[in-house]
N, C-alpha and C. Protein backbone atom coordinates (compact mmCIF):
# COMPACT_ATOMS: atom_id res chain seq x y z
N UNK A 1 -9.60 33.74 17.41
CA UNK A 1 -9.65 32.51 18.57
C UNK A 1 -11.18 32.35 18.99
N UNK A 2 -11.82 31.24 18.34
CA UNK A 2 -13.49 30.91 18.25
C UNK A 2 -13.06 29.90 19.54
N UNK A 3 -14.48 29.81 20.25
CA UNK A 3 -14.71 28.73 21.70
C UNK A 3 -16.03 28.47 21.44
N UNK A 4 -16.49 27.32 21.56
CA UNK A 4 -17.62 26.58 21.33
C UNK A 4 -17.78 25.93 22.76
N UNK A 5 -19.08 25.40 23.10
CA UNK A 5 -19.16 25.26 24.34
C UNK A 5 -20.41 23.80 24.32
N UNK A 6 -19.80 23.00 25.37
CA UNK A 6 -21.23 21.63 25.58
C UNK A 6 -22.38 22.11 26.04
N UNK A 7 -23.51 21.15 26.02
CA UNK A 7 -24.62 21.78 26.26
C UNK A 7 -24.30 22.05 27.88
N UNK A 8 -23.31 21.33 28.62
CA UNK A 8 -23.18 21.86 29.81
C UNK A 8 -22.51 23.26 30.07
N UNK A 9 -22.45 23.71 29.17
CA UNK A 9 -21.71 25.03 29.29
C UNK A 9 -20.23 25.17 29.49
N UNK A 10 -19.65 23.78 29.59
CA UNK A 10 -18.35 23.46 29.70
C UNK A 10 -17.44 23.72 28.15
N UNK A 11 -16.41 24.57 28.43
CA UNK A 11 -15.84 24.86 27.02
C UNK A 11 -15.52 23.32 26.30
N UNK A 12 -15.82 23.67 25.05
CA UNK A 12 -15.57 22.14 23.90
C UNK A 12 -14.37 22.12 23.26
N UNK A 13 -14.53 23.22 22.59
CA UNK A 13 -12.76 23.71 21.93
C UNK A 13 -12.52 25.19 21.95
N UNK A 14 -11.23 25.45 21.85
CA UNK A 14 -10.82 27.06 21.80
C UNK A 14 -9.78 26.70 20.21
N UNK A 15 -10.10 26.99 19.20
CA UNK A 15 -9.94 27.11 18.04
C UNK A 15 -9.60 28.12 17.23
N UNK A 16 -8.70 28.01 16.21
CA UNK A 16 -8.05 28.94 15.21
C UNK A 16 -9.26 28.31 13.69
N UNK A 17 -9.76 29.40 12.77
CA UNK A 17 -10.23 28.99 11.53
C UNK A 17 -9.97 29.81 10.57
N UNK A 18 -9.47 29.84 9.48
CA UNK A 18 -9.22 30.39 8.38
C UNK A 18 -10.39 29.93 7.23
N UNK A 19 -11.26 30.83 6.53
CA UNK A 19 -12.32 30.70 5.72
C UNK A 19 -13.06 29.47 6.25
N UNK A 20 -13.34 29.50 7.23
CA UNK A 20 -14.41 28.67 7.82
C UNK A 20 -13.55 27.16 8.10
N UNK A 21 -12.31 26.83 7.72
CA UNK A 21 -11.73 25.81 8.09
C UNK A 21 -10.61 25.60 8.88
N UNK A 22 -10.60 24.67 9.76
CA UNK A 22 -9.60 24.51 11.27
C UNK A 22 -8.17 24.76 10.72
N UNK A 23 -7.56 25.93 11.13
CA UNK A 23 -6.19 26.13 10.76
C UNK A 23 -5.47 26.71 12.06
N UNK A 24 -4.28 26.33 12.16
CA UNK A 24 -3.43 26.55 13.67
C UNK A 24 -3.72 25.64 14.49
N UNK A 25 -3.68 26.37 15.97
CA UNK A 25 -3.35 25.64 17.36
C UNK A 25 -4.88 25.20 17.57
N UNK A 26 -5.03 24.01 18.06
CA UNK A 26 -6.61 23.67 18.49
C UNK A 26 -6.57 23.29 19.96
N UNK A 27 -7.42 23.28 20.87
CA UNK A 27 -7.66 22.36 21.67
C UNK A 27 -8.69 22.20 21.87
N UNK A 28 -9.04 20.67 22.61
CA UNK A 28 -10.40 20.54 22.60
C UNK A 28 -10.62 20.08 23.94
N UNK A 29 -11.61 20.16 24.70
CA UNK A 29 -11.99 19.35 25.97
C UNK A 29 -13.35 18.49 26.25
N UNK A 30 -13.04 17.58 27.17
CA UNK A 30 -14.38 16.88 27.68
C UNK A 30 -15.02 17.59 28.08
N UNK A 31 -16.58 17.17 28.50
CA UNK A 31 -17.62 17.78 29.15
C UNK A 31 -17.23 17.81 30.33
N UNK A 32 -16.45 17.18 30.98
CA UNK A 32 -15.99 17.18 32.44
C UNK A 32 -14.69 18.40 32.73
N UNK A 33 -14.74 19.38 31.65
CA UNK A 33 -13.67 20.42 31.84
C UNK A 33 -12.41 20.08 31.42
N UNK A 34 -11.91 18.73 31.37
CA UNK A 34 -10.62 18.65 31.02
C UNK A 34 -10.21 18.18 29.87
N UNK A 35 -8.95 18.28 29.55
CA UNK A 35 -8.55 18.55 28.22
C UNK A 35 -8.71 17.17 27.40
N UNK A 36 -9.24 17.09 26.27
CA UNK A 36 -9.33 16.03 25.33
C UNK A 36 -8.36 16.11 24.73
N UNK A 37 -7.81 17.06 23.65
CA UNK A 37 -6.38 16.62 22.80
C UNK A 37 -5.66 18.53 22.58
N UNK A 38 -4.61 18.24 21.96
CA UNK A 38 -4.48 19.51 21.23
C UNK A 38 -3.39 19.40 20.16
N UNK A 39 -3.49 20.16 19.36
CA UNK A 39 -2.60 19.89 18.00
C UNK A 39 -2.81 21.11 17.24
N UNK A 40 -2.36 20.89 16.05
CA UNK A 40 -2.20 21.83 14.96
C UNK A 40 -3.31 21.36 13.59
N UNK A 41 -3.92 22.09 12.92
CA UNK A 41 -4.43 22.05 11.85
C UNK A 41 -3.62 22.96 10.58
N UNK A 42 -3.66 22.31 9.56
CA UNK A 42 -3.39 23.39 8.16
C UNK A 42 -4.23 23.00 7.54
N UNK A 43 -5.08 23.82 6.80
CA UNK A 43 -6.36 24.17 5.91
C UNK A 43 -7.18 22.62 6.27
N UNK A 44 -7.66 22.43 7.45
CA UNK A 44 -8.18 21.31 7.82
C UNK A 44 -7.97 19.97 8.25
N UNK A 45 -6.63 19.92 7.75
CA UNK A 45 -6.23 18.64 8.14
C UNK A 45 -5.16 18.70 9.22
N UNK A 46 -5.21 17.53 9.98
CA UNK A 46 -4.22 17.50 11.27
C UNK A 46 -2.77 17.41 10.88
N UNK A 47 -1.98 18.06 11.28
CA UNK A 47 -0.40 18.39 10.92
C UNK A 47 0.41 18.76 12.25
N UNK A 48 1.34 17.97 12.07
CA UNK A 48 2.71 18.24 12.87
C UNK A 48 2.07 17.04 14.42
N UNK A 49 2.72 17.92 15.83
CA UNK A 49 2.54 17.10 17.12
C UNK A 49 1.29 17.08 17.29
N UNK A 50 0.60 16.29 17.91
CA UNK A 50 -0.75 15.89 18.62
C UNK A 50 -0.55 15.59 20.08
N UNK A 51 -1.28 15.78 21.08
CA UNK A 51 -1.64 14.85 22.34
C UNK A 51 -3.10 14.84 22.72
N UNK A 52 -3.23 13.51 22.80
CA UNK A 52 -4.79 13.08 23.43
C UNK A 52 -4.46 12.89 24.85
N UNK A 53 -5.90 13.25 25.45
CA UNK A 53 -5.97 12.68 27.17
C UNK A 53 -7.20 11.77 26.98
N UNK A 54 -7.00 11.02 28.68
CA UNK A 54 -7.94 10.10 29.12
C UNK A 54 -9.04 11.42 29.57
N UNK A 55 -9.91 11.02 29.75
CA UNK A 55 -11.11 11.75 30.41
C UNK A 55 -10.50 12.46 31.82
N UNK A 56 -9.86 11.33 32.91
CA UNK A 56 -9.24 11.91 34.01
C UNK A 56 -8.06 13.30 33.58
N UNK A 57 -7.66 13.59 32.32
CA UNK A 57 -6.71 14.35 32.24
C UNK A 57 -5.53 13.54 31.93
N UNK A 58 -4.91 12.62 32.13
CA UNK A 58 -3.82 11.96 31.89
C UNK A 58 -3.40 11.70 30.68
N UNK A 59 -2.36 11.87 30.07
CA UNK A 59 -2.08 11.85 28.83
C UNK A 59 -2.21 10.21 27.99
N UNK A 60 -3.01 9.90 26.87
CA UNK A 60 -3.46 8.83 26.29
C UNK A 60 -2.78 8.53 25.25
N UNK A 61 -2.16 9.53 24.32
CA UNK A 61 -1.40 9.07 23.61
C UNK A 61 -0.96 10.54 22.93
N UNK A 62 0.34 10.27 22.06
CA UNK A 62 0.89 11.32 21.46
C UNK A 62 1.86 10.75 20.29
N UNK A 63 1.93 12.00 19.38
CA UNK A 63 2.54 11.64 18.40
C UNK A 63 2.25 12.55 16.78
N UNK A 64 2.58 12.34 15.83
CA UNK A 64 2.84 13.54 14.57
C UNK A 64 1.89 13.24 13.51
N UNK A 65 1.17 13.79 12.84
CA UNK A 65 0.44 13.88 11.74
C UNK A 65 1.06 14.30 10.88
N UNK A 66 0.95 13.58 9.75
CA UNK A 66 1.14 14.48 8.23
C UNK A 66 -0.07 14.21 7.40
N UNK A 67 -0.57 15.02 6.97
CA UNK A 67 -1.80 14.81 6.03
C UNK A 67 -2.80 14.07 6.96
N UNK A 68 -2.98 14.49 8.03
CA UNK A 68 -3.92 13.71 8.61
C UNK A 68 -4.21 12.48 9.10
N UNK A 69 -2.77 11.77 8.85
CA UNK A 69 -2.22 10.29 9.05
C UNK A 69 -1.28 10.25 9.94
N UNK A 70 -1.25 9.54 11.26
CA UNK A 70 -0.24 9.34 11.76
C UNK A 70 0.96 8.75 11.09
N UNK A 71 2.00 9.57 11.38
CA UNK A 71 3.07 9.16 11.05
C UNK A 71 4.28 9.03 12.29
N UNK A 72 5.63 8.69 11.92
CA UNK A 72 6.55 8.45 12.68
C UNK A 72 6.44 7.95 13.78
N UNK A 73 6.96 7.95 15.09
CA UNK A 73 6.84 7.55 16.50
C UNK A 73 5.62 7.79 17.30
N UNK A 74 5.12 6.83 17.79
CA UNK A 74 3.57 6.99 18.65
C UNK A 74 3.58 6.47 20.07
N UNK A 75 3.47 7.28 20.73
CA UNK A 75 3.39 6.53 22.30
C UNK A 75 2.00 6.46 22.89
N UNK A 76 1.37 5.29 23.46
CA UNK A 76 -0.06 4.95 23.97
C UNK A 76 0.38 4.83 25.64
N UNK A 77 -0.53 5.67 26.56
CA UNK A 77 -0.58 5.58 28.11
C UNK A 77 -2.04 4.73 28.28
N UNK A 78 -1.75 4.14 29.33
CA UNK A 78 -2.74 3.62 30.37
C UNK A 78 -3.83 4.51 31.11
N UNK A 79 -4.73 4.57 31.69
CA UNK A 79 -5.25 5.36 32.49
C UNK A 79 -4.48 5.98 33.66
N UNK A 80 -3.61 5.02 34.13
CA UNK A 80 -2.61 5.71 35.28
C UNK A 80 -1.28 6.17 35.04
N UNK A 81 -1.43 6.20 33.57
CA UNK A 81 0.17 7.03 32.90
C UNK A 81 0.98 5.92 32.82
N UNK A 82 0.74 4.58 32.71
CA UNK A 82 2.11 3.76 32.54
C UNK A 82 2.00 3.83 31.25
N UNK A 83 3.24 3.60 30.26
CA UNK A 83 3.48 3.43 28.65
C UNK A 83 2.60 1.85 28.54
N UNK A 84 1.68 1.60 27.31
CA UNK A 84 1.22 0.77 27.01
C UNK A 84 1.72 0.12 26.09
N UNK A 85 2.30 1.09 24.99
CA UNK A 85 2.43 0.58 23.74
C UNK A 85 3.48 1.64 23.14
N UNK A 86 3.93 1.41 22.18
CA UNK A 86 4.90 2.29 21.21
C UNK A 86 5.19 1.87 20.07
N UNK A 87 5.16 2.54 19.26
CA UNK A 87 5.64 2.17 17.73
C UNK A 87 5.77 3.34 16.49
N UNK A 88 5.86 3.01 15.78
CA UNK A 88 5.78 3.89 14.17
C UNK A 88 5.12 3.44 13.44
N UNK A 89 4.23 4.62 12.85
CA UNK A 89 3.37 4.78 11.76
C UNK A 89 3.95 5.32 10.25
N UNK A 90 3.63 4.87 9.40
CA UNK A 90 3.88 5.19 8.27
C UNK A 90 2.68 5.56 7.46
N UNK A 91 2.03 6.43 6.90
CA UNK A 91 1.32 7.04 6.65
C UNK A 91 -0.33 6.47 7.05
N UNK A 92 -0.28 6.53 8.18
CA UNK A 92 -1.39 5.80 9.04
C UNK A 92 -1.27 4.57 9.31
N UNK A 93 -0.57 3.97 9.05
CA UNK A 93 -0.22 2.45 9.04
C UNK A 93 0.60 2.11 10.04
N UNK A 94 0.59 1.11 10.95
CA UNK A 94 1.67 0.41 11.89
C UNK A 94 2.78 0.04 11.42
N UNK A 95 4.03 0.01 11.03
CA UNK A 95 5.13 -0.48 10.94
C UNK A 95 6.31 -0.32 11.31
N UNK A 96 7.34 -1.26 11.44
CA UNK A 96 8.36 -1.65 11.98
C UNK A 96 8.38 -2.72 13.28
N UNK A 97 9.03 -2.02 14.15
CA UNK A 97 8.64 -2.99 15.62
C UNK A 97 7.49 -1.96 16.39
N UNK A 98 6.98 -2.52 17.10
CA UNK A 98 5.85 -2.09 18.00
C UNK A 98 6.23 -2.84 19.42
N UNK A 99 6.27 -2.16 20.71
CA UNK A 99 6.40 -2.63 21.78
C UNK A 99 5.34 -2.22 22.79
N UNK A 100 5.25 -3.89 23.29
CA UNK A 100 3.92 -3.77 24.03
C UNK A 100 4.05 -4.18 25.67
N UNK A 101 3.70 -3.58 26.64
CA UNK A 101 4.20 -3.19 27.57
C UNK A 101 3.13 -3.86 28.73
N UNK A 102 3.53 -4.60 30.13
CA UNK A 102 2.68 -4.96 31.08
C UNK A 102 2.25 -3.84 31.93
N UNK A 103 1.48 -3.96 33.07
CA UNK A 103 1.07 -2.93 34.22
C UNK A 103 2.16 -2.28 34.60
N UNK A 104 3.28 -3.13 35.13
CA UNK A 104 4.52 -2.86 35.72
C UNK A 104 5.24 -1.97 34.70
N UNK A 105 5.17 -1.62 33.60
CA UNK A 105 6.10 -1.23 32.22
C UNK A 105 7.19 -1.86 32.02
N UNK A 106 7.12 -3.29 31.86
CA UNK A 106 8.27 -4.04 31.43
C UNK A 106 7.30 -4.69 30.18
N UNK A 107 8.70 -4.74 29.24
CA UNK A 107 8.21 -5.21 27.82
C UNK A 107 7.13 -6.73 27.88
N UNK A 108 6.07 -6.61 27.59
CA UNK A 108 5.19 -8.05 27.41
C UNK A 108 5.29 -8.80 26.34
N UNK A 109 5.96 -8.09 25.11
CA UNK A 109 5.80 -8.51 23.61
C UNK A 109 6.21 -7.31 22.88
N UNK A 110 7.29 -8.00 21.76
CA UNK A 110 7.26 -6.95 20.38
C UNK A 110 7.05 -7.64 19.35
N UNK A 111 6.41 -6.62 18.70
CA UNK A 111 6.15 -7.56 16.97
C UNK A 111 6.88 -6.26 15.68
N UNK A 112 7.08 -7.07 15.01
CA UNK A 112 7.55 -6.32 13.84
C UNK A 112 5.93 -6.20 13.00
N UNK A 113 5.64 -4.95 12.45
CA UNK A 113 4.52 -4.83 11.83
C UNK A 113 5.04 -4.12 10.43
N UNK A 114 3.88 -4.34 9.51
CA UNK A 114 3.94 -3.77 8.12
C UNK A 114 2.69 -3.62 7.76
N UNK A 115 2.21 -2.26 7.25
CA UNK A 115 0.79 -2.05 7.09
C UNK A 115 -0.05 -2.58 7.85
N UNK A 116 -0.14 -2.40 9.10
CA UNK A 116 -0.90 -2.85 10.22
C UNK A 116 -0.75 -4.74 10.49
N UNK A 117 -0.09 -4.85 9.61
CA UNK A 117 -0.46 -6.45 9.78
C UNK A 117 1.19 -6.92 10.24
N UNK A 118 1.20 -8.39 11.34
CA UNK A 118 2.52 -8.54 11.84
C UNK A 118 3.24 -9.15 10.75
N UNK A 119 4.43 -9.16 10.41
CA UNK A 119 5.39 -9.31 9.40
C UNK A 119 6.75 -9.39 9.73
N UNK A 120 7.16 -10.36 10.07
CA UNK A 120 8.66 -10.38 10.63
C UNK A 120 8.23 -11.21 12.43
N UNK A 121 8.90 -10.80 12.78
CA UNK A 121 8.93 -11.27 14.34
C UNK A 121 8.03 -11.28 15.39
N UNK A 122 7.45 -12.00 16.40
CA UNK A 122 6.79 -11.64 17.36
C UNK A 122 7.53 -12.42 18.91
N UNK A 123 8.05 -11.46 19.77
CA UNK A 123 8.67 -11.82 21.18
C UNK A 123 8.06 -11.82 21.98
N UNK A 124 7.47 -12.74 22.81
CA UNK A 124 6.91 -12.77 24.11
C UNK A 124 7.53 -12.81 25.20
N UNK A 125 7.29 -12.22 26.06
CA UNK A 125 8.15 -12.21 27.37
C UNK A 125 7.33 -12.17 28.48
N UNK A 126 7.66 -12.99 29.87
CA UNK A 126 7.11 -13.28 30.87
C UNK A 126 8.20 -12.73 31.79
N UNK A 127 8.16 -11.47 32.63
CA UNK A 127 9.08 -11.20 33.47
C UNK A 127 10.31 -10.66 33.07
N UNK A 128 10.36 -10.16 31.87
CA UNK A 128 11.51 -9.97 30.77
C UNK A 128 12.41 -11.09 30.52
N UNK A 129 12.07 -12.54 30.77
CA UNK A 129 12.60 -13.28 30.07
C UNK A 129 11.99 -13.99 28.81
N UNK A 130 12.41 -14.34 27.65
CA UNK A 130 11.91 -14.25 26.11
C UNK A 130 11.53 -15.91 26.78
N UNK A 131 10.07 -15.90 26.06
CA UNK A 131 9.40 -17.45 26.32
C UNK A 131 8.88 -17.91 25.34
N UNK A 132 8.90 -17.15 24.11
CA UNK A 132 8.15 -17.80 22.98
C UNK A 132 8.30 -16.70 21.84
N UNK A 133 8.57 -17.14 20.62
CA UNK A 133 8.92 -16.48 19.47
C UNK A 133 8.29 -16.88 18.34
N UNK A 134 7.63 -16.11 17.55
CA UNK A 134 6.91 -16.52 16.01
C UNK A 134 7.68 -15.72 15.01
N UNK A 135 7.31 -16.05 14.03
CA UNK A 135 7.60 -15.50 12.72
C UNK A 135 6.29 -15.43 11.72
N UNK A 136 6.02 -14.58 11.34
CA UNK A 136 5.01 -13.81 10.41
C UNK A 136 5.00 -13.47 8.78
N UNK A 137 4.37 -13.52 8.14
CA UNK A 137 4.31 -13.11 6.95
C UNK A 137 3.32 -12.88 6.36
N UNK A 138 2.76 -11.61 6.51
CA UNK A 138 1.47 -10.93 5.80
C UNK A 138 0.44 -11.23 7.10
N UNK A 139 0.69 -11.20 7.85
CA UNK A 139 -0.25 -11.46 9.09
C UNK A 139 -0.22 -13.13 9.66
N UNK A 140 0.26 -13.95 8.99
CA UNK A 140 -0.16 -15.20 8.94
C UNK A 140 1.35 -16.18 9.64
N UNK A 141 1.08 -16.70 10.95
CA UNK A 141 2.07 -17.44 11.48
C UNK A 141 2.63 -18.16 10.51
N UNK A 142 4.08 -18.46 10.63
CA UNK A 142 4.72 -19.19 9.36
C UNK A 142 5.83 -20.06 10.19
N UNK A 143 6.19 -19.52 11.53
CA UNK A 143 6.86 -20.84 12.41
C UNK A 143 7.02 -20.20 13.81
N UNK A 144 7.21 -20.85 14.96
CA UNK A 144 7.12 -20.41 16.17
C UNK A 144 7.99 -21.37 16.92
N UNK A 145 8.77 -20.62 18.00
CA UNK A 145 9.86 -21.09 18.63
C UNK A 145 9.30 -21.41 20.06
N UNK A 146 9.59 -22.20 20.78
CA UNK A 146 9.96 -22.06 22.40
C UNK A 146 11.11 -23.02 22.87
N UNK A 147 11.91 -23.30 21.81
CA UNK A 147 13.41 -23.81 22.50
C UNK A 147 14.02 -22.81 21.61
N UNK A 148 14.84 -21.91 22.66
CA UNK A 148 15.71 -20.74 22.12
C UNK A 148 17.12 -21.06 21.66
N UNK A 149 17.24 -22.39 21.80
CA UNK A 149 18.69 -22.86 21.09
C UNK A 149 18.54 -22.80 19.66
N UNK A 150 17.57 -23.29 19.22
CA UNK A 150 17.42 -23.61 17.91
C UNK A 150 16.68 -22.16 17.23
N UNK A 151 16.12 -21.41 18.36
CA UNK A 151 15.83 -20.16 17.73
C UNK A 151 16.84 -18.92 17.36
N UNK A 152 17.77 -19.22 18.28
CA UNK A 152 19.21 -18.55 18.20
C UNK A 152 20.06 -18.55 16.91
N UNK A 153 20.15 -20.10 16.96
CA UNK A 153 20.43 -20.58 15.54
C UNK A 153 20.24 -20.39 14.27
N UNK A 154 19.11 -20.19 13.99
CA UNK A 154 18.06 -19.63 12.77
C UNK A 154 18.33 -18.56 12.76
N UNK A 155 18.34 -17.58 13.56
CA UNK A 155 18.12 -16.05 13.34
C UNK A 155 19.19 -15.24 14.41
N UNK A 156 19.63 -14.27 13.26
CA UNK A 156 20.86 -13.73 13.79
C UNK A 156 20.37 -12.43 14.73
N UNK A 157 21.05 -11.95 15.41
CA UNK A 157 20.54 -11.03 16.21
C UNK A 157 20.47 -10.00 15.80
N UNK A 158 20.84 -9.58 14.48
CA UNK A 158 20.58 -8.36 13.78
C UNK A 158 19.26 -8.31 13.23
N UNK A 159 18.16 -10.00 12.91
CA UNK A 159 17.57 -9.62 12.72
C UNK A 159 16.50 -9.45 13.53
N UNK A 160 16.81 -9.40 15.07
CA UNK A 160 15.84 -8.83 15.89
C UNK A 160 16.11 -7.40 16.77
N UNK A 161 16.85 -6.60 16.24
CA UNK A 161 17.45 -5.58 16.68
C UNK A 161 18.11 -5.74 17.92
């Protein structure tokens, strides 16, 4: 186990190395002594489940890495620990449905993404009520609805999950 320190003598990281390459479980710390991140390296590459923290010590984000790229489901938190957004990564790119929350933890909007671009529906809510819907293709808006009777006729519930 190796340790390194910030100039203020606070612990910077506790880590394992193999042949001078990060390997195994790592923990990094901010200069204030609070945890910054924790997770595993395989031959210098982030792998498996990781957690990242705000300088306050509260959880900032958590999810999995494969070959140094975000993959599968990730969660992101505000400084006050309220969930801000969540969604799926594939090979480091945002894909599938992403949900975004307001300061009270209610869904503010949700969007379908493909390779980091809006691709499919974006639904916007106000106090849990759908107020606007848009459809995107490759990041460009192709249709918008504020009249939800026509929206429901044109789109099946299966499209919206």
